[in-house]
């Protein structure tokens, strides 16, 4: 894989097997054959072994595609810092199994979320959640090292996922080569300051997490601070306020500045598109795609012609 080759994210489990094959053909006919093993895919594979069998014995070999990066399962049942004692052993076991599947499919990275749900929605304090995230990684990192997979902890837009939190995690593991950062361009754009941003335009979830003394607390220069540790990246755009997963160029990110910075990260292993293809509303707000959603052709044109990534 060339260093600038893009790996495409598509949420296959929402489709029937027939539709999965059909959509894969559309990607292939547009020159794309490398894909993310998405969180939805691995959750479905963990719960339904027949889905994993379909991926391994039919989808990949028949279509000639590759699933070369995995986004691990996330949310209140899978985040690294979940504080529910009866769920933690199962969560860790699920991640260990997912890591093995990632290695079996040839994934180089395994992206995970520290976790925001229990802090932001259930008011758990940060210090014990930090400890729980470390305890999870104490089990996962050695196994990832054995498997030749790098765990990539993703920056978010909530307090448990800020730059200091992520760097402290990496420091706790002496910057182990089996542990790195997944830099999410859209999350960073939501957190960054800008002279045109207005507090009244932030969504409720940003105000809930970051409103202090009548102003939004921002976080700038996220990539510069994380760059030495970034091993993969989720590339998408937004309006600066909401996590909309839009096409690069449809939002407010300065791609002429950002793209060369991403390509210069010394540990970067790959680049992942994480554009939402749908139209209309999502949990974060109104999506940026036009009527009918984004096309695969436009995705390819933007990443190849505008951003300079290989297919």
Protein backbone atom coordinates (compact mmCIF):
# COMPACT_ATOMS: atom_id res chain seq x y z
CA UNK A 1 0.00 0.00 0.00
CA UNK A 2 1.43 3.39 -0.94
CA UNK A 3 1.79 5.77 1.99
CA UNK A 4 -0.88 8.10 0.62
CA UNK A 5 -3.46 5.46 -0.29
CA UNK A 6 -6.91 6.11 1.16
CA UNK A 7 -8.89 3.40 2.94
CA UNK A 8 -12.61 3.88 2.55
CA UNK A 9 -15.20 3.62 5.30
CA UNK A 10 -18.65 2.32 4.43
CA UNK A 11 -21.11 0.94 6.96
CA UNK A 12 -21.66 -2.43 5.31
CA UNK A 13 -23.76 -4.06 8.06
CA UNK A 14 -26.69 -1.77 7.28
CA UNK A 15 -26.97 -3.55 3.93
CA UNK A 16 -28.11 -7.04 2.97
CA UNK A 17 -25.46 -9.44 1.68
CA UNK A 18 -26.63 -8.83 -1.87
CA UNK A 19 -26.40 -5.06 -1.41
CA UNK A 20 -22.95 -5.38 0.17
CA UNK A 21 -21.68 -7.14 -2.94
CA UNK A 22 -23.39 -4.61 -5.20
CA UNK A 23 -21.94 -1.60 -3.40
CA UNK A 24 -18.50 -3.21 -3.32
CA UNK A 25 -18.75 -3.51 -7.12
CA UNK A 26 -19.47 0.23 -7.38
CA UNK A 27 -16.39 0.99 -5.30
CA UNK A 28 -14.27 -1.41 -7.34
CA UNK A 29 -15.44 0.10 -10.62
CA UNK A 30 -14.32 3.48 -9.25
CA UNK A 31 -10.87 2.13 -8.42
CA UNK A 32 -11.31 1.39 -4.70
CA UNK A 33 -10.62 -1.96 -3.07
CA UNK A 34 -9.28 -1.12 0.43
CA UNK A 35 -11.83 -0.63 3.18
CA UNK A 36 -12.24 -0.12 6.91
CA UNK A 37 -13.56 -3.05 8.89
CA UNK A 38 -16.12 -0.77 10.55
CA UNK A 39 -17.30 -0.84 14.15
CA UNK A 40 -20.73 -1.95 12.95
CA UNK A 41 -19.13 -4.76 11.00
CA UNK A 42 -17.09 -6.07 13.93
CA UNK A 43 -20.01 -5.79 16.36
CA UNK A 44 -22.12 -7.82 13.96
CA UNK A 45 -19.31 -10.32 13.47
CA UNK A 46 -18.85 -10.74 17.24
CA UNK A 47 -22.57 -11.31 17.76
CA UNK A 48 -23.19 -13.40 14.64
CA UNK A 49 -20.37 -15.77 13.59
CA UNK A 50 -22.11 -16.39 10.27
CA UNK A 51 -21.49 -12.73 9.34
CA UNK A 52 -17.77 -13.15 9.99
CA UNK A 53 -17.83 -16.30 7.89
CA UNK A 54 -19.55 -14.40 5.06
CA UNK A 55 -16.91 -11.66 5.16
CA UNK A 56 -14.01 -14.08 5.24
CA UNK A 57 -15.21 -16.75 2.83
CA UNK A 58 -17.33 -14.80 0.35
CA UNK A 59 -17.20 -11.00 0.56
CA UNK A 60 -13.41 -10.53 0.61
CA UNK A 61 -12.27 -13.34 -1.73
CA UNK A 62 -15.13 -13.09 -4.22
CA UNK A 63 -14.96 -9.31 -4.59
CA UNK A 64 -11.20 -9.02 -4.26
CA UNK A 65 -11.45 -6.33 -1.60
CA UNK A 66 -9.31 -5.82 1.50
CA UNK A 67 -10.37 -4.88 5.02
CA UNK A 68 -7.08 -3.34 6.11
CA UNK A 69 -8.00 -1.18 9.11
CA UNK A 70 -10.49 -1.83 11.90
CA UNK A 71 -12.56 0.54 13.98
CA UNK A 72 -13.25 -1.36 17.16
CA UNK A 73 -16.69 -1.38 18.76
CA UNK A 74 -17.52 1.65 20.89
CA UNK A 75 -20.26 3.14 23.03
CA UNK A 76 -21.46 2.48 26.59
CA UNK A 77 -20.89 -1.28 26.23
CA UNK A 78 -17.45 -1.12 24.59
CA UNK A 79 -15.60 2.10 25.54
CA UNK A 80 -12.27 1.61 27.31
CA UNK A 81 -13.40 3.42 30.45
CA UNK A 82 -16.82 1.88 31.07
CA UNK A 83 -17.35 1.76 34.86
CA UNK A 84 -19.92 -1.06 34.95
CA UNK A 85 -18.15 -3.92 36.80
CA UNK A 86 -20.26 -6.72 35.36
CA UNK A 87 -19.63 -5.54 31.78
CA UNK A 88 -15.90 -4.86 31.91
CA UNK A 89 -14.69 -8.50 31.52
CA UNK A 90 -16.96 -8.98 28.51
CA UNK A 91 -15.89 -5.67 27.00
CA UNK A 92 -12.22 -6.60 27.26
CA UNK A 93 -12.89 -10.08 25.88
CA UNK A 94 -14.75 -8.55 22.92
CA UNK A 95 -11.85 -6.21 22.14
CA UNK A 96 -9.34 -9.05 22.38
CA UNK A 97 -11.39 -11.12 19.95
CA UNK A 98 -11.80 -8.12 17.65
CA UNK A 99 -8.03 -7.57 17.67
CA UNK A 100 -7.52 -11.17 16.59
CA UNK A 101 -10.02 -10.74 13.76
CA UNK A 102 -8.33 -7.48 12.72
CA UNK A 103 -4.97 -9.25 12.49
CA UNK A 104 -6.51 -12.17 10.61
CA UNK A 105 -7.85 -9.77 7.94
CA UNK A 106 -4.54 -7.91 7.70
CA UNK A 107 -5.52 -4.73 9.52
CA UNK A 108 -2.60 -2.58 10.59
CA UNK A 109 -4.53 -0.40 13.04
CA UNK A 110 -7.35 -0.88 15.54
CA UNK A 111 -9.11 2.36 16.45
CA UNK A 112 -10.79 2.66 19.86
CA UNK A 113 -12.68 5.29 21.87
CA UNK A 114 -11.67 6.13 25.42
CA UNK A 115 -15.34 6.79 26.09
CA UNK A 116 -17.57 9.81 26.64
CA UNK A 117 -20.95 8.38 27.58
CA UNK A 118 -20.47 7.80 31.29
CA UNK A 119 -18.76 11.13 31.92
CA UNK A 120 -20.95 13.34 29.74
CA UNK A 121 -24.35 11.70 30.25
CA UNK A 122 -24.02 10.01 33.65
CA UNK A 123 -21.65 12.49 35.34
CA UNK A 124 -18.96 10.00 36.31
CA UNK A 125 -15.83 11.95 37.34
CA UNK A 126 -12.79 11.81 35.09
CA UNK A 127 -10.11 10.43 37.48
CA UNK A 128 -11.65 6.95 38.00
CA UNK A 129 -12.54 6.78 34.28
CA UNK A 130 -8.90 7.49 33.37
CA UNK A 131 -7.82 4.61 35.62
CA UNK A 132 -10.32 2.25 33.98
CA UNK A 133 -9.13 3.18 30.47
CA UNK A 134 -5.53 2.45 31.51
CA UNK A 135 -6.55 -0.89 33.00
CA UNK A 136 -8.24 -1.87 29.73
CA UNK A 137 -5.19 -0.96 27.67
CA UNK A 138 -2.93 -2.88 30.05
CA UNK A 139 -4.64 -6.00 28.69
CA UNK A 140 -5.11 -4.93 25.06
CA UNK A 141 -1.71 -3.40 24.25
CA UNK A 142 0.41 -6.52 24.88
CA UNK A 143 -1.97 -8.58 22.75
CA UNK A 144 -1.91 -6.01 19.96
CA UNK A 145 1.88 -6.09 20.04
CA UNK A 146 1.85 -9.88 19.68
CA UNK A 147 -0.54 -9.63 16.74
CA UNK A 148 1.34 -6.84 14.96
CA UNK A 149 -1.58 -4.40 15.22
CA UNK A 150 -1.33 -0.82 16.52
CA UNK A 151 -4.13 0.35 18.81
CA UNK A 152 -5.12 3.90 17.82
CA UNK A 153 -6.95 5.93 20.47
CA UNK A 154 -9.20 8.51 18.79
CA UNK A 155 -9.42 12.18 19.71
CA UNK A 156 -12.99 13.27 20.37
CA UNK A 157 -14.88 16.41 21.27
CA UNK A 158 -15.69 15.47 24.88
CA UNK A 159 -13.61 15.98 28.07
CA UNK A 160 -12.33 12.37 28.29
CA UNK A 161 -10.91 12.61 24.74
CA UNK A 162 -8.88 15.81 24.78
CA UNK A 163 -5.20 16.07 23.87
CA UNK A 164 -3.97 16.02 27.50
CA UNK A 165 -6.07 12.94 28.25
CA UNK A 166 -4.77 11.05 25.21
CA UNK A 167 -1.15 12.02 25.76
CA UNK A 168 -1.34 10.99 29.42
CA UNK A 169 -2.61 7.57 28.31
CA UNK A 170 0.27 7.14 25.87
CA UNK A 171 2.74 8.35 28.48
CA UNK A 172 1.45 5.75 30.95
CA UNK A 173 2.59 3.11 28.44
CA UNK A 174 5.94 4.78 27.78
CA UNK A 175 4.76 5.56 24.23
CA UNK A 176 4.66 1.87 23.35
CA UNK A 177 4.91 1.35 19.55
CA UNK A 178 1.76 -0.81 19.76
CA UNK A 179 -0.22 2.26 20.88
CA UNK A 180 -0.85 5.46 18.95
CA UNK A 181 -3.44 8.05 17.99
CA UNK A 182 -6.24 8.13 15.44
CA UNK A 183 -6.58 11.79 14.47
CA UNK A 184 -10.18 12.64 13.60
CA UNK A 185 -10.29 15.79 11.47
CA UNK A 186 -13.94 16.54 12.15
CA UNK A 187 -13.68 16.17 15.91
CA UNK A 188 -10.71 18.52 15.97
CA UNK A 189 -12.58 21.06 13.84
CA UNK A 190 -15.47 21.08 16.31
CA UNK A 191 -13.10 21.77 19.19
CA UNK A 192 -11.03 24.47 17.48
CA UNK A 193 -11.64 28.16 17.99
CA UNK A 194 -12.40 30.50 15.08
CA UNK A 195 -13.29 34.21 15.01
CA UNK A 196 -16.57 33.46 13.23
CA UNK A 197 -17.83 30.92 15.74
CA UNK A 198 -20.80 32.02 17.86
CA UNK A 199 -21.82 30.41 21.11
CA UNK A 200 -25.50 30.39 20.16
CA UNK A 201 -24.72 28.22 17.11
CA UNK A 202 -23.17 25.37 19.11
CA UNK A 203 -25.40 22.30 19.55
CA UNK A 204 -26.62 21.28 22.97
CA UNK A 205 -24.02 18.52 23.37
CA UNK A 206 -21.16 21.00 22.94
CA UNK A 207 -22.71 23.48 25.37
CA UNK A 208 -23.30 20.69 27.89
CA UNK A 209 -19.68 19.55 27.81
CA UNK A 210 -17.73 22.75 27.23
CA UNK A 211 -19.67 25.82 28.43
CA UNK A 212 -17.65 27.54 31.16
CA UNK A 213 -18.44 30.96 32.60
CA UNK A 214 -20.60 31.82 29.61
CA UNK A 215 -18.11 30.80 26.92
CA UNK A 216 -17.13 27.66 25.04
CA UNK A 217 -13.77 26.18 26.03
CA UNK A 218 -11.90 25.41 22.80
CA UNK A 219 -8.83 23.32 21.99
CA UNK A 220 -6.51 24.50 19.22
CA UNK A 221 -3.49 22.99 17.42
CA UNK A 222 -4.67 19.46 18.15
CA UNK A 223 -2.79 17.87 15.26
CA UNK A 224 0.45 19.68 16.09
CA UNK A 225 0.29 18.29 19.62
CA UNK A 226 -0.61 14.74 18.58
CA UNK A 227 1.36 14.49 15.30
CA UNK A 228 4.33 12.46 16.68
CA UNK A 229 1.92 9.71 17.72
CA UNK A 230 -0.66 9.67 14.91
CA UNK A 231 -0.82 6.32 13.10
CA UNK A 232 -4.14 6.70 11.29
CA UNK A 233 -6.68 9.42 10.59
CA UNK A 234 -10.41 9.78 10.00
CA UNK A 235 -10.88 12.34 7.24
CA UNK A 236 -14.17 14.24 6.96
CA UNK A 237 -15.51 17.80 7.21
CA UNK A 238 -18.13 19.73 9.16
CA UNK A 239 -19.42 23.22 9.92
CA UNK A 240 -17.12 23.71 12.90
CA UNK A 241 -19.92 23.09 15.37
CA UNK A 242 -21.29 19.59 14.70
CA UNK A 243 -19.84 16.14 13.99
CA UNK A 244 -21.45 15.85 10.54
CA UNK A 245 -18.94 13.65 8.67
CA UNK A 246 -19.25 15.68 5.46
CA UNK A 247 -17.20 15.52 2.28
CA UNK A 248 -13.90 17.42 2.47
CA UNK A 249 -14.55 20.81 0.97
CA UNK A 250 -18.18 20.98 2.07
CA UNK A 251 -17.35 22.30 5.53
CA UNK A 252 -14.96 24.78 7.14
CA UNK A 253 -11.67 22.81 7.34
CA UNK A 254 -8.74 24.32 5.44
CA UNK A 255 -7.67 21.23 3.53
CA UNK A 256 -4.80 22.93 1.68
CA UNK A 257 -3.14 23.42 5.05
CA UNK A 258 -4.29 20.28 6.83
CA UNK A 259 -3.63 17.61 4.19
CA UNK A 260 0.17 18.17 3.98
CA UNK A 261 0.31 18.20 7.78
CA UNK A 262 -1.43 14.83 7.91
CA UNK A 263 0.90 13.35 5.32
CA UNK A 264 3.91 14.59 7.32
CA UNK A 265 3.03 12.73 10.55
CA UNK A 266 6.09 10.52 11.16
CA UNK A 267 4.23 7.41 12.39
CA UNK A 268 1.32 7.58 9.93
CA UNK A 269 0.46 4.13 8.59
CA UNK A 270 -2.68 4.91 6.58
CA UNK A 271 -5.44 7.40 5.83
CA UNK A 272 -9.14 6.62 6.27
CA UNK A 273 -12.09 8.44 4.73
CA UNK A 274 -14.98 8.65 7.18
CA UNK A 275 -17.60 10.50 5.15
CA UNK A 276 -21.27 9.84 5.85
CA UNK A 277 -22.97 9.03 2.56
CA UNK A 278 -26.49 9.81 3.72
CA UNK A 279 -28.63 12.93 3.46
CA UNK A 280 -30.95 14.60 5.95
CA UNK A 281 -30.70 14.64 9.73
CA UNK A 282 -28.46 12.58 12.00
CA UNK A 283 -27.94 12.73 15.75
CA UNK A 284 -25.39 15.55 15.27
CA UNK A 285 -27.50 17.78 13.03
CA UNK A 286 -28.26 18.23 9.34
CA UNK A 287 -25.83 16.28 7.19
CA UNK A 288 -23.87 18.09 4.48
CA UNK A 289 -24.61 15.70 1.61
CA UNK A 290 -26.88 16.85 -1.24
CA UNK A 291 -30.26 15.31 -2.04
CA UNK A 292 -29.82 11.56 -2.40
CA UNK A 293 -26.53 11.57 -0.49
CA UNK A 294 -22.93 11.51 -1.66
CA UNK A 295 -21.92 9.29 -4.57
CA UNK A 296 -18.94 6.97 -4.61
CA UNK A 297 -17.65 8.79 -7.68
CA UNK A 298 -17.61 12.12 -5.87
CA UNK A 299 -15.84 10.56 -2.90
CA UNK A 300 -13.14 9.22 -5.21
CA UNK A 301 -12.82 12.49 -7.12
CA UNK A 302 -12.43 14.56 -3.95
CA UNK A 303 -9.88 12.31 -2.24
CA UNK A 304 -7.87 11.68 -5.41
CA UNK A 305 -8.09 14.99 -7.27
CA UNK A 306 -8.58 17.55 -4.49
CA UNK A 307 -6.61 15.99 -1.61
CA UNK A 308 -4.06 14.00 -3.60
CA UNK A 309 -4.59 10.54 -2.13
CA UNK A 310 -4.11 7.33 -4.07
CA UNK A 311 -6.87 4.75 -4.34
